[in-house]
N, C-alpha and C. Protein backbone atom coordinates (compact mmCIF):
# COMPACT_ATOMS: atom_id res chain seq x y z
N MET A 1 19.78 -13.08 -2.34
CA MET A 1 18.79 -13.44 -1.34
C MET A 1 19.33 -13.43 0.08
N GLY A 2 20.61 -13.41 0.27
CA GLY A 2 21.18 -13.50 1.59
C GLY A 2 21.54 -12.17 2.21
N ALA A 3 20.88 -11.10 1.82
CA ALA A 3 21.21 -9.77 2.33
C ALA A 3 20.96 -9.68 3.83
N GLU A 4 21.82 -8.90 4.50
CA GLU A 4 21.65 -8.72 5.93
C GLU A 4 20.35 -7.98 6.21
N GLY A 5 19.71 -8.32 7.32
CA GLY A 5 18.43 -7.72 7.63
C GLY A 5 17.26 -8.40 6.94
N SER A 6 17.56 -9.49 6.24
CA SER A 6 16.51 -10.24 5.56
C SER A 6 16.18 -11.50 6.34
N TYR A 7 14.92 -11.85 6.28
CA TYR A 7 14.44 -13.06 6.93
C TYR A 7 13.66 -13.85 5.89
N PHE A 8 13.73 -15.15 5.98
CA PHE A 8 13.18 -15.99 4.93
C PHE A 8 12.24 -17.05 5.48
N VAL A 9 11.16 -17.26 4.76
CA VAL A 9 10.31 -18.42 4.95
C VAL A 9 10.61 -19.32 3.77
N TYR A 10 10.85 -20.59 4.04
CA TYR A 10 11.24 -21.49 2.96
C TYR A 10 10.44 -22.78 3.05
N ILE A 11 10.29 -23.41 1.89
CA ILE A 11 9.61 -24.70 1.83
C ILE A 11 10.59 -25.70 1.22
N LEU A 12 10.79 -26.79 1.93
CA LEU A 12 11.59 -27.91 1.44
C LEU A 12 10.64 -29.04 1.07
N ALA A 13 11.06 -29.85 0.12
CA ALA A 13 10.26 -31.02 -0.28
C ALA A 13 11.19 -32.21 -0.48
N SER A 14 10.65 -33.39 -0.27
CA SER A 14 11.44 -34.61 -0.47
C SER A 14 11.56 -34.94 -1.96
N ARG A 15 10.53 -34.57 -2.72
CA ARG A 15 10.49 -34.82 -4.17
C ARG A 15 9.27 -34.08 -4.71
N HIS A 16 9.00 -34.20 -5.98
CA HIS A 16 7.82 -33.58 -6.60
C HIS A 16 6.56 -34.12 -5.90
N HIS A 17 5.77 -33.24 -5.33
CA HIS A 17 4.55 -33.58 -4.58
C HIS A 17 4.83 -34.49 -3.39
N GLY A 18 6.05 -34.45 -2.87
CA GLY A 18 6.42 -35.29 -1.73
C GLY A 18 6.14 -34.61 -0.40
N THR A 19 6.85 -35.05 0.61
CA THR A 19 6.73 -34.50 1.95
C THR A 19 7.22 -33.05 1.93
N ILE A 20 6.52 -32.18 2.65
CA ILE A 20 6.82 -30.74 2.68
C ILE A 20 7.21 -30.33 4.10
N TYR A 21 8.20 -29.45 4.19
CA TYR A 21 8.62 -28.85 5.46
C TYR A 21 8.68 -27.34 5.27
N ILE A 22 8.14 -26.58 6.22
CA ILE A 22 8.17 -25.12 6.17
C ILE A 22 8.99 -24.61 7.35
N GLY A 23 9.92 -23.70 7.06
CA GLY A 23 10.76 -23.14 8.11
C GLY A 23 10.98 -21.66 7.91
N VAL A 24 11.65 -21.04 8.90
CA VAL A 24 11.98 -19.61 8.85
C VAL A 24 13.42 -19.45 9.33
N THR A 25 14.14 -18.52 8.73
CA THR A 25 15.54 -18.30 9.09
C THR A 25 15.98 -16.91 8.65
N ASN A 26 17.11 -16.46 9.18
CA ASN A 26 17.71 -15.21 8.70
C ASN A 26 18.95 -15.51 7.85
N ASP A 27 19.29 -16.79 7.71
CA ASP A 27 20.43 -17.19 6.88
C ASP A 27 20.06 -18.48 6.15
N ILE A 28 19.50 -18.34 4.97
CA ILE A 28 18.96 -19.49 4.25
C ILE A 28 20.05 -20.49 3.86
N ARG A 29 21.22 -20.00 3.45
CA ARG A 29 22.30 -20.92 3.06
C ARG A 29 22.76 -21.76 4.24
N ALA A 30 22.97 -21.11 5.38
CA ALA A 30 23.41 -21.83 6.58
C ALA A 30 22.35 -22.83 7.04
N ARG A 31 21.08 -22.45 6.96
CA ARG A 31 20.02 -23.35 7.39
C ARG A 31 19.94 -24.58 6.50
N LEU A 32 20.08 -24.37 5.19
CA LEU A 32 20.09 -25.52 4.27
C LEU A 32 21.25 -26.46 4.58
N GLU A 33 22.40 -25.90 4.87
CA GLU A 33 23.57 -26.72 5.21
C GLU A 33 23.31 -27.53 6.48
N LEU A 34 22.68 -26.91 7.46
CA LEU A 34 22.33 -27.63 8.70
C LEU A 34 21.40 -28.80 8.40
N HIS A 35 20.36 -28.53 7.62
CA HIS A 35 19.40 -29.58 7.28
C HIS A 35 20.09 -30.71 6.52
N ARG A 36 20.86 -30.37 5.54
CA ARG A 36 21.47 -31.38 4.67
C ARG A 36 22.58 -32.17 5.35
N SER A 37 23.17 -31.61 6.39
CA SER A 37 24.22 -32.32 7.13
C SER A 37 23.65 -33.14 8.28
N GLY A 38 22.32 -33.08 8.46
CA GLY A 38 21.68 -33.85 9.53
C GLY A 38 21.66 -33.15 10.87
N ARG A 39 22.05 -31.87 10.92
CA ARG A 39 22.09 -31.13 12.18
C ARG A 39 20.91 -30.17 12.33
N GLY A 40 19.97 -30.21 11.35
CA GLY A 40 18.79 -29.34 11.42
C GLY A 40 17.63 -30.09 12.04
N SER A 41 16.48 -29.87 11.51
CA SER A 41 15.25 -30.48 12.00
C SER A 41 15.29 -32.01 11.92
N LYS A 42 14.82 -32.66 12.96
CA LYS A 42 14.72 -34.13 12.97
C LYS A 42 13.74 -34.60 11.89
N PHE A 43 12.68 -33.82 11.67
CA PHE A 43 11.68 -34.14 10.64
C PHE A 43 12.34 -34.16 9.27
N VAL A 44 13.12 -33.13 8.99
CA VAL A 44 13.81 -33.03 7.69
C VAL A 44 14.73 -34.23 7.50
N GLN A 45 15.46 -34.57 8.54
CA GLN A 45 16.39 -35.71 8.46
C GLN A 45 15.63 -37.01 8.25
N LYS A 46 14.58 -37.24 9.02
CA LYS A 46 13.82 -38.49 8.95
C LYS A 46 13.19 -38.71 7.58
N TYR A 47 12.59 -37.64 7.02
CA TYR A 47 11.86 -37.77 5.76
C TYR A 47 12.67 -37.32 4.54
N ARG A 48 13.95 -36.98 4.76
CA ARG A 48 14.86 -36.59 3.68
C ARG A 48 14.27 -35.46 2.82
N VAL A 49 13.88 -34.41 3.51
CA VAL A 49 13.24 -33.26 2.88
C VAL A 49 14.32 -32.19 2.66
N PHE A 50 15.05 -32.30 1.55
CA PHE A 50 16.21 -31.44 1.32
C PHE A 50 16.07 -30.51 0.12
N ARG A 51 15.07 -30.65 -0.69
CA ARG A 51 14.93 -29.87 -1.93
C ARG A 51 14.24 -28.54 -1.62
N LEU A 52 14.95 -27.43 -1.85
CA LEU A 52 14.39 -26.10 -1.63
C LEU A 52 13.49 -25.75 -2.81
N VAL A 53 12.18 -25.69 -2.57
CA VAL A 53 11.24 -25.47 -3.66
C VAL A 53 10.56 -24.10 -3.63
N HIS A 54 10.68 -23.37 -2.51
CA HIS A 54 10.03 -22.06 -2.41
C HIS A 54 10.71 -21.23 -1.33
N VAL A 55 10.92 -19.94 -1.61
CA VAL A 55 11.50 -19.00 -0.64
C VAL A 55 10.78 -17.67 -0.75
N GLU A 56 10.51 -17.06 0.40
CA GLU A 56 9.96 -15.71 0.45
C GLU A 56 10.83 -14.90 1.41
N ALA A 57 11.17 -13.67 1.04
CA ALA A 57 12.00 -12.79 1.87
C ALA A 57 11.14 -11.74 2.57
N PHE A 58 11.54 -11.39 3.79
CA PHE A 58 10.84 -10.40 4.60
C PHE A 58 11.84 -9.48 5.27
N ALA A 59 11.43 -8.28 5.57
CA ALA A 59 12.31 -7.29 6.18
C ALA A 59 12.51 -7.51 7.68
N THR A 60 11.51 -8.10 8.34
CA THR A 60 11.59 -8.27 9.79
C THR A 60 11.31 -9.71 10.19
N PRO A 61 11.85 -10.12 11.33
CA PRO A 61 11.55 -11.48 11.80
C PRO A 61 10.07 -11.66 12.11
N HIS A 62 9.42 -10.61 12.58
CA HIS A 62 7.98 -10.68 12.90
C HIS A 62 7.17 -11.05 11.66
N GLU A 63 7.47 -10.39 10.54
CA GLU A 63 6.75 -10.68 9.29
C GLU A 63 7.00 -12.11 8.82
N ALA A 64 8.25 -12.54 8.92
CA ALA A 64 8.59 -13.90 8.46
C ALA A 64 7.92 -14.96 9.32
N ILE A 65 7.93 -14.78 10.62
CA ILE A 65 7.31 -15.75 11.53
C ILE A 65 5.80 -15.79 11.32
N ALA A 66 5.19 -14.63 11.11
CA ALA A 66 3.74 -14.59 10.85
C ALA A 66 3.41 -15.35 9.57
N ARG A 67 4.22 -15.18 8.53
CA ARG A 67 3.98 -15.89 7.27
C ARG A 67 4.20 -17.39 7.44
N GLU A 68 5.23 -17.77 8.18
CA GLU A 68 5.49 -19.19 8.42
C GLU A 68 4.28 -19.83 9.11
N LYS A 69 3.77 -19.18 10.12
CA LYS A 69 2.60 -19.70 10.84
C LYS A 69 1.40 -19.81 9.92
N GLN A 70 1.20 -18.78 9.08
CA GLN A 70 0.10 -18.79 8.13
C GLN A 70 0.21 -20.00 7.21
N LEU A 71 1.38 -20.20 6.62
CA LEU A 71 1.57 -21.31 5.68
C LEU A 71 1.40 -22.67 6.36
N LYS A 72 1.83 -22.79 7.58
CA LYS A 72 1.70 -24.07 8.29
C LYS A 72 0.24 -24.45 8.52
N PHE A 73 -0.64 -23.45 8.58
CA PHE A 73 -2.06 -23.74 8.77
C PHE A 73 -2.80 -23.96 7.46
N TRP A 74 -2.15 -23.68 6.35
CA TRP A 74 -2.77 -23.87 5.04
C TRP A 74 -3.01 -25.34 4.76
N LYS A 75 -4.00 -25.62 3.93
CA LYS A 75 -4.22 -26.98 3.43
C LYS A 75 -3.08 -27.34 2.48
N ARG A 76 -2.79 -28.62 2.38
CA ARG A 76 -1.71 -29.09 1.52
C ARG A 76 -1.90 -28.62 0.07
N ASP A 77 -3.11 -28.67 -0.44
CA ASP A 77 -3.37 -28.23 -1.81
C ASP A 77 -2.96 -26.78 -2.03
N TRP A 78 -3.19 -25.93 -1.05
CA TRP A 78 -2.83 -24.52 -1.16
C TRP A 78 -1.31 -24.37 -1.22
N LYS A 79 -0.61 -25.17 -0.41
CA LYS A 79 0.86 -25.12 -0.40
C LYS A 79 1.41 -25.57 -1.76
N ILE A 80 0.82 -26.60 -2.31
CA ILE A 80 1.25 -27.10 -3.63
C ILE A 80 1.04 -26.03 -4.69
N LYS A 81 -0.10 -25.36 -4.66
CA LYS A 81 -0.37 -24.28 -5.62
C LYS A 81 0.64 -23.14 -5.47
N LEU A 82 0.98 -22.80 -4.24
CA LEU A 82 1.97 -21.75 -3.99
C LEU A 82 3.32 -22.13 -4.60
N ILE A 83 3.76 -23.34 -4.36
CA ILE A 83 5.03 -23.82 -4.91
C ILE A 83 5.00 -23.78 -6.43
N GLU A 84 3.93 -24.29 -7.00
CA GLU A 84 3.87 -24.45 -8.45
C GLU A 84 3.63 -23.16 -9.22
N GLN A 85 3.27 -22.07 -8.53
CA GLN A 85 3.15 -20.77 -9.20
C GLN A 85 4.47 -20.35 -9.82
N GLU A 86 5.57 -20.58 -9.11
CA GLU A 86 6.88 -20.16 -9.59
C GLU A 86 7.82 -21.33 -9.86
N ASN A 87 7.44 -22.51 -9.43
CA ASN A 87 8.32 -23.67 -9.57
C ASN A 87 7.48 -24.91 -9.91
N PRO A 88 6.90 -24.95 -11.10
CA PRO A 88 5.98 -26.04 -11.45
C PRO A 88 6.61 -27.43 -11.46
N ASP A 89 7.92 -27.50 -11.63
CA ASP A 89 8.59 -28.81 -11.66
C ASP A 89 9.23 -29.19 -10.32
N TRP A 90 9.04 -28.35 -9.31
CA TRP A 90 9.57 -28.59 -7.98
C TRP A 90 11.09 -28.77 -8.01
N GLU A 91 11.75 -27.96 -8.81
CA GLU A 91 13.21 -28.03 -8.90
C GLU A 91 13.84 -27.46 -7.64
N ASP A 92 15.03 -27.95 -7.30
CA ASP A 92 15.78 -27.44 -6.16
C ASP A 92 16.31 -26.06 -6.51
N ARG A 93 15.90 -25.05 -5.77
CA ARG A 93 16.28 -23.67 -6.05
C ARG A 93 17.48 -23.21 -5.24
N SER A 94 18.12 -24.09 -4.51
CA SER A 94 19.22 -23.67 -3.62
C SER A 94 20.41 -23.10 -4.41
N ALA A 95 20.60 -23.53 -5.65
CA ALA A 95 21.71 -22.99 -6.46
C ALA A 95 21.48 -21.54 -6.84
N LEU A 96 20.25 -21.06 -6.74
CA LEU A 96 19.94 -19.67 -7.09
C LEU A 96 20.22 -18.69 -5.96
N LEU A 97 20.57 -19.20 -4.79
CA LEU A 97 20.81 -18.33 -3.64
C LEU A 97 22.13 -17.62 -3.74
């Protein structure tokens, strides 16, 4: 998943059906490390949203940013359905990277 030229939209969760955070990056491993070390988003740090529950890869930053914006405007129920299509137990997928 960390191939060069790849951009990622990711969803973090605090727990199963917990607080959700959506972000975009070109280095998913580095971004997760930033979040988990407290140097990423203040929101992630405050609500302890560290579990990687969904990732989508894109070829260009434009595509990734457009998808991130789309997902941020979605209703919470839609986001939950998206996560549960491939990750019904909301398991942390960061080990798969």
